[in-house]
N, C-alpha and C. Protein backbone atom coordinates (compact mmCIF):
# COMPACT_ATOMS: atom_id res chain seq x y z
N MET A 1 16.83 -77.95 17.05
CA MET A 1 17.82 -76.91 17.21
C MET A 1 18.67 -77.24 18.44
N ALA A 2 19.97 -77.02 18.31
CA ALA A 2 20.89 -77.34 19.40
C ALA A 2 20.77 -76.33 20.53
N GLN A 3 21.00 -76.82 21.72
CA GLN A 3 20.99 -75.95 22.88
C GLN A 3 22.22 -75.04 22.83
N PRO A 4 22.04 -73.78 23.16
CA PRO A 4 23.20 -72.90 23.19
C PRO A 4 24.14 -73.31 24.31
N GLY A 5 25.40 -73.31 24.02
CA GLY A 5 26.39 -73.68 25.02
C GLY A 5 27.50 -72.64 25.09
N VAL A 6 28.15 -72.62 26.22
CA VAL A 6 29.22 -71.64 26.42
C VAL A 6 30.38 -71.92 25.47
N PHE A 7 30.69 -73.22 25.27
CA PHE A 7 31.84 -73.54 24.43
C PHE A 7 31.61 -73.10 22.99
N LEU A 8 30.48 -73.49 22.40
CA LEU A 8 30.23 -73.17 21.00
C LEU A 8 29.86 -71.71 20.77
N ASP A 9 29.22 -71.09 21.74
CA ASP A 9 28.75 -69.72 21.55
C ASP A 9 29.74 -68.65 21.99
N VAL A 10 30.63 -68.98 22.91
CA VAL A 10 31.53 -67.97 23.45
C VAL A 10 33.00 -68.34 23.22
N ILE A 11 33.39 -69.49 23.73
CA ILE A 11 34.81 -69.86 23.72
C ILE A 11 35.33 -70.10 22.31
N LEU A 12 34.60 -70.84 21.50
CA LEU A 12 35.05 -71.14 20.15
C LEU A 12 35.22 -69.89 19.28
N PRO A 13 34.27 -68.97 19.25
CA PRO A 13 34.51 -67.74 18.46
C PRO A 13 35.70 -66.92 18.96
N ILE A 14 35.86 -66.86 20.28
CA ILE A 14 37.01 -66.13 20.82
C ILE A 14 38.31 -66.79 20.38
N CYS A 15 38.34 -68.12 20.38
CA CYS A 15 39.55 -68.84 19.96
C CYS A 15 39.83 -68.66 18.47
N ILE A 16 38.79 -68.61 17.66
CA ILE A 16 38.99 -68.40 16.23
C ILE A 16 39.58 -67.01 15.98
N VAL A 17 39.03 -66.00 16.61
CA VAL A 17 39.55 -64.64 16.45
C VAL A 17 40.97 -64.54 17.01
N THR A 18 41.21 -65.15 18.16
CA THR A 18 42.54 -65.13 18.76
C THR A 18 43.55 -65.83 17.87
N GLY A 19 43.17 -66.95 17.29
CA GLY A 19 44.08 -67.68 16.41
C GLY A 19 44.44 -66.90 15.17
N LEU A 20 43.45 -66.30 14.52
CA LEU A 20 43.71 -65.54 13.29
C LEU A 20 44.47 -64.25 13.58
N ALA A 21 44.00 -63.49 14.56
CA ALA A 21 44.68 -62.24 14.90
C ALA A 21 46.06 -62.52 15.47
N GLY A 22 46.18 -63.60 16.24
CA GLY A 22 47.48 -63.97 16.80
C GLY A 22 48.48 -64.30 15.72
N PHE A 23 48.04 -65.02 14.69
CA PHE A 23 48.96 -65.35 13.60
C PHE A 23 49.44 -64.09 12.88
N LEU A 24 48.52 -63.18 12.59
CA LEU A 24 48.92 -61.95 11.90
C LEU A 24 49.87 -61.12 12.75
N LEU A 25 49.56 -61.00 14.02
CA LEU A 25 50.43 -60.23 14.93
C LEU A 25 51.77 -60.92 15.12
N TYR A 26 51.76 -62.26 15.23
CA TYR A 26 52.99 -63.02 15.37
C TYR A 26 53.89 -62.85 14.14
N ALA A 27 53.29 -62.90 12.96
CA ALA A 27 54.06 -62.73 11.73
C ALA A 27 54.65 -61.32 11.65
N LEU A 28 53.88 -60.31 12.02
CA LEU A 28 54.36 -58.93 11.98
C LEU A 28 55.50 -58.70 12.96
N VAL A 29 55.30 -59.09 14.21
CA VAL A 29 56.34 -58.87 15.23
C VAL A 29 57.58 -59.70 14.91
N SER A 30 57.39 -60.92 14.41
CA SER A 30 58.55 -61.74 14.04
C SER A 30 59.35 -61.09 12.93
N ARG A 31 58.66 -60.50 11.96
CA ARG A 31 59.38 -59.84 10.86
C ARG A 31 60.15 -58.63 11.37
N LEU A 32 59.54 -57.85 12.26
CA LEU A 32 60.24 -56.69 12.83
C LEU A 32 61.47 -57.14 13.62
N LEU A 33 61.32 -58.18 14.41
CA LEU A 33 62.44 -58.70 15.19
C LEU A 33 63.53 -59.28 14.28
N TYR A 34 63.12 -59.99 13.25
CA TYR A 34 64.10 -60.58 12.33
C TYR A 34 64.91 -59.48 11.65
N ASP A 35 64.25 -58.44 11.19
CA ASP A 35 64.97 -57.34 10.55
C ASP A 35 65.94 -56.67 11.51
N TYR A 36 65.53 -56.48 12.76
CA TYR A 36 66.40 -55.87 13.76
C TYR A 36 67.61 -56.76 14.04
N VAL A 37 67.37 -58.05 14.26
CA VAL A 37 68.47 -58.96 14.55
C VAL A 37 69.39 -59.10 13.34
N ASP A 38 68.82 -59.14 12.15
CA ASP A 38 69.62 -59.26 10.94
C ASP A 38 70.53 -58.05 10.74
N GLU A 39 70.04 -56.88 11.12
CA GLU A 39 70.82 -55.66 10.93
C GLU A 39 71.87 -55.46 12.03
N HIS A 40 71.50 -55.75 13.29
CA HIS A 40 72.39 -55.41 14.40
C HIS A 40 73.12 -56.60 15.01
N TYR A 41 72.57 -57.78 14.93
CA TYR A 41 73.17 -58.98 15.53
C TYR A 41 73.15 -60.12 14.51
N ASN A 42 73.76 -59.90 13.38
CA ASN A 42 73.70 -60.85 12.27
C ASN A 42 74.28 -62.21 12.63
N ASP A 43 75.23 -62.25 13.56
CA ASP A 43 75.85 -63.53 13.93
C ASP A 43 74.92 -64.43 14.74
N MET A 44 73.81 -63.89 15.25
CA MET A 44 72.86 -64.71 16.01
C MET A 44 71.99 -65.58 15.13
N LEU A 45 71.84 -65.20 13.87
CA LEU A 45 70.97 -65.93 12.96
C LEU A 45 71.72 -67.09 12.31
N ASP A 46 71.10 -68.25 12.31
CA ASP A 46 71.66 -69.40 11.63
C ASP A 46 71.14 -69.42 10.21
N LYS A 47 71.90 -68.81 9.30
CA LYS A 47 71.45 -68.75 7.91
C LYS A 47 72.02 -69.94 7.15
N PRO A 48 71.15 -70.78 6.61
CA PRO A 48 71.64 -71.92 5.82
C PRO A 48 72.23 -71.44 4.50
N LYS A 49 73.13 -72.24 3.98
CA LYS A 49 73.79 -71.88 2.73
C LYS A 49 73.31 -72.80 1.61
N GLY A 50 72.80 -72.21 0.56
CA GLY A 50 72.49 -72.96 -0.64
C GLY A 50 71.15 -73.66 -0.70
N SER A 51 70.29 -73.44 0.24
CA SER A 51 68.99 -74.11 0.22
C SER A 51 67.88 -73.07 0.02
N LEU A 52 67.14 -73.20 -1.06
CA LEU A 52 66.07 -72.25 -1.34
C LEU A 52 64.93 -72.39 -0.34
N TYR A 53 64.65 -73.60 0.09
CA TYR A 53 63.49 -73.84 0.95
C TYR A 53 63.74 -73.45 2.41
N ALA A 54 64.98 -73.29 2.80
CA ALA A 54 65.28 -72.95 4.19
C ALA A 54 65.75 -71.51 4.34
N ASP A 55 65.64 -70.71 3.28
CA ASP A 55 66.06 -69.33 3.33
C ASP A 55 65.08 -68.53 4.20
N PRO A 56 65.58 -67.88 5.25
CA PRO A 56 64.67 -67.14 6.14
C PRO A 56 63.93 -65.99 5.46
N GLU A 57 64.43 -65.52 4.36
CA GLU A 57 63.76 -64.44 3.65
C GLU A 57 62.58 -64.94 2.83
N GLU A 58 62.49 -66.24 2.63
CA GLU A 58 61.45 -66.81 1.77
C GLU A 58 60.35 -67.46 2.59
N LEU A 59 59.13 -67.29 2.18
CA LEU A 59 57.98 -68.04 2.68
C LEU A 59 57.79 -68.00 4.19
N GLY A 60 58.16 -66.93 4.83
CA GLY A 60 57.91 -66.79 6.26
C GLY A 60 58.79 -67.62 7.15
N ALA A 61 59.92 -68.11 6.64
CA ALA A 61 60.81 -68.91 7.48
C ALA A 61 61.47 -68.06 8.56
N TYR A 62 61.37 -66.74 8.45
CA TYR A 62 61.91 -65.86 9.49
C TYR A 62 61.21 -66.11 10.83
N MET A 63 59.95 -66.56 10.79
CA MET A 63 59.24 -66.85 12.04
C MET A 63 59.92 -68.01 12.77
N GLY A 64 60.40 -68.97 12.03
CA GLY A 64 61.13 -70.08 12.64
C GLY A 64 62.46 -69.64 13.22
N SER A 65 63.13 -68.71 12.56
CA SER A 65 64.40 -68.20 13.09
C SER A 65 64.18 -67.45 14.40
N ILE A 66 63.13 -66.63 14.45
CA ILE A 66 62.84 -65.88 15.67
C ILE A 66 62.36 -66.83 16.77
N TRP A 67 61.58 -67.85 16.39
CA TRP A 67 61.13 -68.84 17.37
C TRP A 67 62.33 -69.54 17.99
N LEU A 68 63.33 -69.88 17.17
CA LEU A 68 64.53 -70.55 17.68
C LEU A 68 65.30 -69.65 18.64
N LEU A 69 65.43 -68.37 18.30
CA LEU A 69 66.11 -67.44 19.20
C LEU A 69 65.35 -67.30 20.52
N THR A 70 64.04 -67.31 20.45
CA THR A 70 63.23 -67.19 21.66
C THR A 70 63.33 -68.46 22.49
N ARG A 71 63.23 -69.62 21.84
CA ARG A 71 63.26 -70.91 22.55
C ARG A 71 64.59 -71.16 23.25
N THR A 72 65.69 -70.82 22.56
CA THR A 72 67.01 -71.08 23.14
C THR A 72 67.44 -69.99 24.11
N GLY A 73 66.79 -68.82 24.08
CA GLY A 73 67.15 -67.74 24.98
C GLY A 73 68.32 -66.91 24.49
N ARG A 74 68.76 -67.13 23.26
CA ARG A 74 69.90 -66.36 22.73
C ARG A 74 69.56 -64.89 22.55
N PHE A 75 68.27 -64.54 22.55
CA PHE A 75 67.88 -63.14 22.39
C PHE A 75 68.28 -62.31 23.60
N ARG A 76 68.61 -62.95 24.71
CA ARG A 76 68.95 -62.20 25.94
C ARG A 76 70.24 -61.40 25.81
N ARG A 77 71.04 -61.70 24.82
CA ARG A 77 72.29 -60.96 24.66
C ARG A 77 72.06 -59.61 23.95
N ILE A 78 70.86 -59.37 23.45
CA ILE A 78 70.53 -58.09 22.82
C ILE A 78 70.49 -57.02 23.91
N LEU A 79 71.14 -55.91 23.65
CA LEU A 79 71.27 -54.87 24.66
C LEU A 79 70.01 -54.03 24.82
N SER A 80 69.22 -53.90 23.79
CA SER A 80 68.03 -53.05 23.84
C SER A 80 66.91 -53.74 24.62
N ARG A 81 66.51 -53.13 25.73
CA ARG A 81 65.44 -53.70 26.54
C ARG A 81 64.10 -53.77 25.81
N PRO A 82 63.69 -52.74 25.05
CA PRO A 82 62.42 -52.85 24.33
C PRO A 82 62.40 -54.01 23.33
N VAL A 83 63.52 -54.31 22.72
CA VAL A 83 63.56 -55.42 21.77
C VAL A 83 63.45 -56.75 22.52
N ARG A 84 64.10 -56.85 23.67
CA ARG A 84 63.97 -58.08 24.48
C ARG A 84 62.52 -58.26 24.94
N VAL A 85 61.85 -57.17 25.30
CA VAL A 85 60.44 -57.25 25.68
C VAL A 85 59.60 -57.72 24.48
N LEU A 86 59.94 -57.26 23.29
CA LEU A 86 59.23 -57.72 22.09
C LEU A 86 59.42 -59.22 21.87
N PHE A 87 60.60 -59.74 22.18
CA PHE A 87 60.81 -61.19 22.08
C PHE A 87 59.88 -61.93 23.04
N TRP A 88 59.78 -61.45 24.28
CA TRP A 88 58.88 -62.08 25.25
C TRP A 88 57.43 -61.97 24.79
N LEU A 89 57.06 -60.80 24.29
CA LEU A 89 55.70 -60.59 23.80
C LEU A 89 55.40 -61.51 22.62
N ASN A 90 56.37 -61.66 21.74
CA ASN A 90 56.19 -62.54 20.58
C ASN A 90 56.01 -63.99 21.02
N GLY A 91 56.75 -64.41 22.03
CA GLY A 91 56.57 -65.76 22.57
C GLY A 91 55.19 -65.95 23.19
N LEU A 92 54.72 -64.93 23.88
CA LEU A 92 53.38 -64.98 24.48
C LEU A 92 52.30 -65.04 23.40
N ILE A 93 52.45 -64.24 22.35
CA ILE A 93 51.49 -64.26 21.25
C ILE A 93 51.47 -65.64 20.60
N GLY A 94 52.65 -66.23 20.40
CA GLY A 94 52.72 -67.57 19.82
C GLY A 94 52.06 -68.62 20.70
N ALA A 95 52.26 -68.51 22.01
CA ALA A 95 51.63 -69.47 22.93
C ALA A 95 50.11 -69.33 22.91
N LEU A 96 49.61 -68.09 22.90
CA LEU A 96 48.16 -67.88 22.81
C LEU A 96 47.60 -68.42 21.50
N MET A 97 48.33 -68.23 20.43
CA MET A 97 47.88 -68.70 19.12
C MET A 97 47.81 -70.23 19.10
N VAL A 98 48.83 -70.88 19.62
CA VAL A 98 48.84 -72.35 19.66
C VAL A 98 47.74 -72.87 20.59
N GLY A 99 47.58 -72.24 21.74
CA GLY A 99 46.53 -72.65 22.67
C GLY A 99 45.14 -72.52 22.09
N SER A 100 44.89 -71.41 21.42
CA SER A 100 43.56 -71.23 20.83
C SER A 100 43.33 -72.20 19.67
N THR A 101 44.37 -72.52 18.93
CA THR A 101 44.24 -73.50 17.85
C THR A 101 43.94 -74.89 18.41
N LEU A 102 44.56 -75.25 19.51
CA LEU A 102 44.27 -76.54 20.15
C LEU A 102 42.83 -76.60 20.67
N ILE A 103 42.34 -75.50 21.19
CA ILE A 103 40.95 -75.47 21.66
C ILE A 103 39.99 -75.58 20.48
N ILE A 104 40.34 -74.96 19.34
CA ILE A 104 39.52 -75.12 18.14
C ILE A 104 39.47 -76.59 17.72
N CYS A 105 40.59 -77.29 17.83
CA CYS A 105 40.62 -78.72 17.49
C CYS A 105 39.71 -79.53 18.42
N LEU A 106 39.55 -79.09 19.66
CA LEU A 106 38.64 -79.76 20.58
C LEU A 106 37.20 -79.76 20.07
N ALA A 107 36.84 -78.76 19.31
CA ALA A 107 35.48 -78.66 18.82
C ALA A 107 35.14 -79.80 17.88
N PHE A 108 36.14 -80.43 17.27
CA PHE A 108 35.89 -81.51 16.34
C PHE A 108 35.91 -82.88 17.00
N LEU A 109 36.26 -82.92 18.25
CA LEU A 109 36.25 -84.19 18.99
C LEU A 109 34.90 -84.38 19.68
N PRO A 110 34.44 -85.60 19.80
CA PRO A 110 33.18 -85.80 20.52
C PRO A 110 33.36 -85.47 22.00
N GLY A 111 32.38 -84.81 22.55
CA GLY A 111 32.49 -84.44 23.95
C GLY A 111 31.24 -83.72 24.42
N PRO A 112 31.28 -83.25 25.65
CA PRO A 112 30.09 -82.61 26.23
C PRO A 112 29.81 -81.22 25.67
N TRP A 113 30.70 -80.67 24.87
CA TRP A 113 30.48 -79.31 24.35
C TRP A 113 29.60 -79.29 23.12
N HIS A 114 29.21 -80.43 22.59
CA HIS A 114 28.32 -80.45 21.41
C HIS A 114 26.87 -80.35 21.81
């Protein structure tokens, strides 16, 4: 039987829950932000013309549109402070989700945590 370790017993389960819950929360907040920006600041969205696979309304591509607005900082022109705070929160959720996913990948590499 393997020795209990902090990484496998504590950190890895926390990262799995953070990754799954983070994705669901990120998708929800991104959709709320996308709908708000689409309704009030439609010129901020780069909507492609004629491509089914790049349509932000299809297959969760709205998350990429919100990620681009967050990465470039174009969301700062939105006048509503709570919506700008949601953009920052969404970026933080995305960073936590990516970080926890990378830590999960560490579990599959050989190292002292096994």
